Every structure is written in structure tokens, then in C-alpha cells.
Amino acid sequence: MPNVLDACAIIALARGESGADRLEEILLENHSTFFIHAVNLCEVYYSFYRASGKSVADELVNDVVTAGIIVRADLDEPFWKLVGELKATLAIPLPDAFASALAQRCKGDVVTGDHDHFDKIAQKGICGVCFFR
């Protein structure tokens, strides 16, 4: 089954935050394909750019791609309309709507540590959600 990583998953892994060890297990034990939407990768990029500078942010993005995580840039009309619908009806951050819409499109799960917003998504059955913490 495909998995879609949200920004907090990449950030937790890169910073060694709580749950990073579980996330590593998920990435290594699960023989599925891993995706990240370009909007979510942008979140990772600006977070590291702001904290550590351009070269660190560029290196992290390179590490994501080198690790085999596929960056998707879906933005056709049905996709962005689904993103807008999720944002409007669930009052979630726009990047979380992108991750959820991509997981729905891929028929996979979002891998996240963010219960605040993804609990709603899981409860509504928008897509599967795998929490690493």
C-alpha cells in the first residue's frame, strides 16, 4: 500500500524528534512506495531554511529524494478541488489537506505524528492514517 509522508514525518526524522525511531521502522519494514507532495516538502524546506540556512535545506531535500521518497506535484482540477473541500469542511491546514488528498488519490495512508488534524481525517474516512507517535 502506498504511504504519503507529511512534513512533520520528515522533520521528526531529520531532527531525531519523538517517534523518529518508529518512523524509521515504518520506512524500513514496509515494502511499499512512499510519496510526499511538493507542498509538504516545501514545508520541510522552509522550516530547515529558516532554522539552518539554504544549504542544509537543500541537502535535506536531496536526502529525501535519494532515500527513494517520490515527490508528487499533483495539481489537476479534481485534485485541487478535493484539497479545497478538505480545507473548507475540516478546517485543517492547507498542507495537511494536500497530504490527505494525495493519500486518497493513491489509495494509501498518510504517515504523520500530527493527531490534532489527522484524527479528524481518519475519523471521517478520508484516507488511512498511520501515526508514528
C-alpha atoms as a PDB file:
ATOM      1  CA  MET A   1       0.000   0.000   0.000  1.00  0.00           C
ATOM      2  CA  PRO A   2       1.356   3.458  -0.826  1.00  0.00           C
ATOM      3  CA  ASN A   3       2.194   5.830   2.001  1.00  0.00           C
ATOM      4  CA  VAL A   4       2.220   9.615   1.936  1.00  0.00           C
ATOM      5  CA  LEU A   5       4.554  11.378   4.333  1.00  0.00           C
ATOM      6  CA  ASP A   6       3.506  14.711   5.724  1.00  0.00           C
ATOM      7  CA  ALA A   7       6.025  17.386   6.642  1.00  0.00           C
ATOM      8  CA  CYS A   8       6.105  16.506  10.345  1.00  0.00           C
ATOM      9  CA  ALA A   9       7.263  12.978   9.479  1.00  0.00           C
ATOM     10  CA  ILE A  10      10.302  14.223   7.553  1.00  0.00           C
ATOM     11  CA  ILE A  11      11.038  16.904  10.160  1.00  0.00           C
ATOM     12  CA  ALA A  12      10.805  14.418  13.050  1.00  0.00           C
ATOM     13  CA  LEU A  13      13.125  12.034  11.256  1.00  0.00           C
ATOM     14  CA  ALA A  14      15.671  14.705  10.334  1.00  0.00           C
ATOM     15  CA  ARG A  15      15.705  16.224  13.837  1.00  0.00           C
ATOM     16  CA  GLY A  16      15.564  12.944  15.728  1.00  0.00           C
ATOM     17  CA  GLU A  17      12.353  14.003  17.446  1.00  0.00           C
ATOM     18  CA  SER A  18       9.968  11.810  19.400  1.00  0.00           C
ATOM     19  CA  GLY A  19       8.753   8.956  17.238  1.00  0.00           C
ATOM     20  CA  ALA A  20      11.676   9.114  14.794  1.00  0.00           C
ATOM     21  CA  ASP A  21      12.724   5.584  15.718  1.00  0.00           C
ATOM     22  CA  ARG A  22       9.217   4.266  14.986  1.00  0.00           C
ATOM     23  CA  LEU A  23       9.167   6.202  11.721  1.00  0.00           C
ATOM     24  CA  GLU A  24      12.461   4.601  10.683  1.00  0.00           C
ATOM     25  CA  GLU A  25      10.906   1.184  11.374  1.00  0.00           C
ATOM     26  CA  ILE A  26       7.905   2.069   9.207  1.00  0.00           C
ATOM     27  CA  LEU A  27      10.162   3.181   6.373  1.00  0.00           C
ATOM     28  CA  LEU A  28      12.366   0.096   6.592  1.00  0.00           C
ATOM     29  CA  GLU A  29       9.843  -2.643   7.328  1.00  0.00           C
ATOM     30  CA  ASN A  30       7.174  -1.508   4.954  1.00  0.00           C
ATOM     31  CA  HIS A  31       7.965  -2.522   1.407  1.00  0.00           C
ATOM     32  CA  SER A  32       5.583  -0.012  -0.090  1.00  0.00           C
ATOM     33  CA  THR A  33       6.087   3.146  -2.067  1.00  0.00           C
ATOM     34  CA  PHE A  34       6.485   6.398  -0.159  1.00  0.00           C
ATOM     35  CA  PHE A  35       5.327   9.744  -1.536  1.00  0.00           C
ATOM     36  CA  ILE A  36       5.405  13.332  -0.358  1.00  0.00           C
ATOM     37  CA  HIS A  37       3.503  16.131  -2.022  1.00  0.00           C
ATOM     38  CA  ALA A  38       5.656  19.074  -3.173  1.00  0.00           C
ATOM     39  CA  VAL A  39       3.643  21.391  -0.888  1.00  0.00           C
ATOM     40  CA  ASN A  40       4.554  19.266   2.135  1.00  0.00           C
ATOM     41  CA  LEU A  41       8.180  19.108   1.047  1.00  0.00           C
ATOM     42  CA  CYS A  42       8.083  22.897   0.753  1.00  0.00           C
ATOM     43  CA  GLU A  43       7.057  22.992   4.439  1.00  0.00           C
ATOM     44  CA  VAL A  44      10.117  20.914   5.301  1.00  0.00           C
ATOM     45  CA  TYR A  45      12.324  23.100   3.129  1.00  0.00           C
ATOM     46  CA  TYR A  46      11.265  26.419   4.606  1.00  0.00           C
ATOM     47  CA  SER A  47      11.467  25.053   8.157  1.00  0.00           C
ATOM     48  CA  PHE A  48      15.080  23.998   7.698  1.00  0.00           C
ATOM     49  CA  TYR A  49      15.953  27.034   5.585  1.00  0.00           C
ATOM     50  CA  ARG A  50      14.713  29.340   8.323  1.00  0.00           C
ATOM     51  CA  ALA A  51      16.442  27.401  11.114  1.00  0.00           C
ATOM     52  CA  SER A  52      19.700  26.365   9.456  1.00  0.00           C
ATOM     53  CA  GLY A  53      20.082  28.029   6.073  1.00  0.00           C
ATOM     54  CA  LYS A  54      19.749  27.213   2.413  1.00  0.00           C
ATOM     55  CA  SER A  55      22.486  24.582   2.152  1.00  0.00           C
ATOM     56  CA  VAL A  56      21.023  22.491   4.984  1.00  0.00           C
ATOM     57  CA  ALA A  57      17.531  22.769   3.488  1.00  0.00           C
ATOM     58  CA  ASP A  58      18.821  21.800   0.034  1.00  0.00           C
ATOM     59  CA  GLU A  59      20.721  18.848   1.499  1.00  0.00           C
ATOM     60  CA  LEU A  60      17.638  17.580   3.313  1.00  0.00           C
ATOM     61  CA  VAL A  61      15.531  17.727   0.146  1.00  0.00           C
ATOM     62  CA  ASN A  62      18.282  15.835  -1.661  1.00  0.00           C
ATOM     63  CA  ASP A  63      18.286  13.225   1.136  1.00  0.00           C
ATOM     64  CA  VAL A  64      14.521  12.775   0.776  1.00  0.00           C
ATOM     65  CA  VAL A  65      14.832  12.131  -2.955  1.00  0.00           C
ATOM     66  CA  THR A  66      17.914   9.919  -2.528  1.00  0.00           C
ATOM     67  CA  ALA A  67      16.004   7.830   0.040  1.00  0.00           C
ATOM     68  CA  GLY A  68      13.539   6.957  -2.712  1.00  0.00           C
ATOM     69  CA  ILE A  69      10.647   9.085  -1.486  1.00  0.00           C
ATOM     70  CA  ILE A  70       8.769  10.183  -4.587  1.00  0.00           C
ATOM     71  CA  VAL A  71       7.852  13.853  -4.767  1.00  0.00           C
ATOM     72  CA  ARG A  72       4.427  14.377  -6.330  1.00  0.00           C
ATOM     73  CA  ALA A  73       3.144  17.688  -7.644  1.00  0.00           C
ATOM     74  CA  ASP A  74      -0.464  16.737  -8.429  1.00  0.00           C
ATOM     75  CA  LEU A  75      -2.476  19.881  -9.074  1.00  0.00           C
ATOM     76  CA  ASP A  76      -5.070  18.994 -11.682  1.00  0.00           C
ATOM     77  CA  GLU A  77      -8.575  20.393 -11.155  1.00  0.00           C
ATOM     78  CA  PRO A  78     -10.127  17.383  -9.393  1.00  0.00           C
ATOM     79  CA  PHE A  79      -7.136  17.260  -7.036  1.00  0.00           C
ATOM     80  CA  TRP A  80      -7.076  20.934  -6.043  1.00  0.00           C
ATOM     81  CA  LYS A  81     -10.835  20.895  -5.639  1.00  0.00           C
ATOM     82  CA  LEU A  82     -10.529  17.975  -3.225  1.00  0.00           C
ATOM     83  CA  VAL A  83      -7.815  19.871  -1.335  1.00  0.00           C
ATOM     84  CA  GLY A  84     -10.106  22.906  -1.120  1.00  0.00           C
ATOM     85  CA  GLU A  85     -13.034  20.780   0.023  1.00  0.00           C
ATOM     86  CA  LEU A  86     -10.960  19.180   2.789  1.00  0.00           C
ATOM     87  CA  LYS A  87      -9.658  22.557   3.911  1.00  0.00           C
ATOM     88  CA  ALA A  88     -13.157  24.075   3.927  1.00  0.00           C
ATOM     89  CA  THR A  89     -15.025  21.247   5.619  1.00  0.00           C
ATOM     90  CA  LEU A  90     -12.462  20.069   8.165  1.00  0.00           C
ATOM     91  CA  ALA A  91     -10.733  23.369   8.995  1.00  0.00           C
ATOM     92  CA  ILE A  92      -7.287  21.787   8.661  1.00  0.00           C
ATOM     93  CA  PRO A  93      -4.063  23.421   7.486  1.00  0.00           C
ATOM     94  CA  LEU A  94      -3.731  23.534   3.713  1.00  0.00           C
ATOM     95  CA  PRO A  95      -0.610  21.302   3.620  1.00  0.00           C
ATOM     96  CA  ASP A  96      -2.475  18.622   5.605  1.00  0.00           C
ATOM     97  CA  ALA A  97      -5.248  18.793   3.027  1.00  0.00           C
ATOM     98  CA  PHE A  98      -2.647  18.221   0.285  1.00  0.00           C
ATOM     99  CA  ALA A  99      -1.224  15.166   2.060  1.00  0.00           C
ATOM    100  CA  SER A 100      -4.703  13.753   2.673  1.00  0.00           C
ATOM    101  CA  ALA A 101      -5.837  14.310  -0.899  1.00  0.00           C
ATOM    102  CA  LEU A 102      -2.689  12.637  -2.219  1.00  0.00           C
ATOM    103  CA  ALA A 103      -3.209   9.660   0.089  1.00  0.00           C
ATOM    104  CA  GLN A 104      -6.802   9.386  -1.090  1.00  0.00           C
ATOM    105  CA  ARG A 105      -5.687   9.548  -4.721  1.00  0.00           C
ATOM    106  CA  CYS A 106      -3.012   6.899  -4.151  1.00  0.00           C
ATOM    107  CA  LYS A 107      -5.349   4.742  -2.062  1.00  0.00           C
ATOM    108  CA  GLY A 108      -2.810   4.820   0.743  1.00  0.00           C
ATOM    109  CA  ASP A 109      -2.176   6.109   4.226  1.00  0.00           C
ATOM    110  CA  VAL A 110      -0.758   9.379   5.475  1.00  0.00           C
ATOM    111  CA  VAL A 111       2.194   8.768   7.801  1.00  0.00           C
ATOM    112  CA  THR A 112       2.198  11.502  10.436  1.00  0.00           C
ATOM    113  CA  GLY A 113       2.670  12.324  14.070  1.00  0.00           C
ATOM    114  CA  ASP A 114       0.066  15.098  13.968  1.00  0.00           C
ATOM    115  CA  HIS A 115      -3.008  13.894  15.851  1.00  0.00           C
ATOM    116  CA  ASP A 116      -4.503  17.400  16.051  1.00  0.00           C
ATOM    117  CA  HIS A 117      -5.559  17.446  12.420  1.00  0.00           C
ATOM    118  CA  PHE A 118      -5.249  13.886  11.181  1.00  0.00           C
ATOM    119  CA  ASP A 119      -7.521  12.401  13.848  1.00  0.00           C
ATOM    120  CA  LYS A 120     -10.359  14.242  12.055  1.00  0.00           C
ATOM    121  CA  ILE A 121      -9.243  12.903   8.708  1.00  0.00           C
ATOM    122  CA  ALA A 122      -9.097   9.332   9.997  1.00  0.00           C
ATOM    123  CA  GLN A 123     -12.478   9.626  11.715  1.00  0.00           C
ATOM    124  CA  LYS A 124     -14.107  10.898   8.514  1.00  0.00           C
ATOM    125  CA  GLY A 125     -12.548   8.080   6.483  1.00  0.00           C
ATOM    126  CA  ILE A 126     -10.912  10.499   4.043  1.00  0.00           C
ATOM    127  CA  CYS A 127      -7.859   8.233   3.873  1.00  0.00           C
ATOM    128  CA  GLY A 128      -5.946   5.873   6.103  1.00  0.00           C
ATOM    129  CA  VAL A 129      -3.666   7.426   8.702  1.00  0.00           C
ATOM    130  CA  CYS A 130      -0.623   5.797  10.288  1.00  0.00           C
ATOM    131  CA  PHE A 131       0.601   7.628  13.398  1.00  0.00           C
ATOM    132  CA  PHE A 132       4.255   7.172  14.286  1.00  0.00           C
ATOM    133  CA  ARG A 133       3.857   8.756  17.727  1.00  0.00           C
END
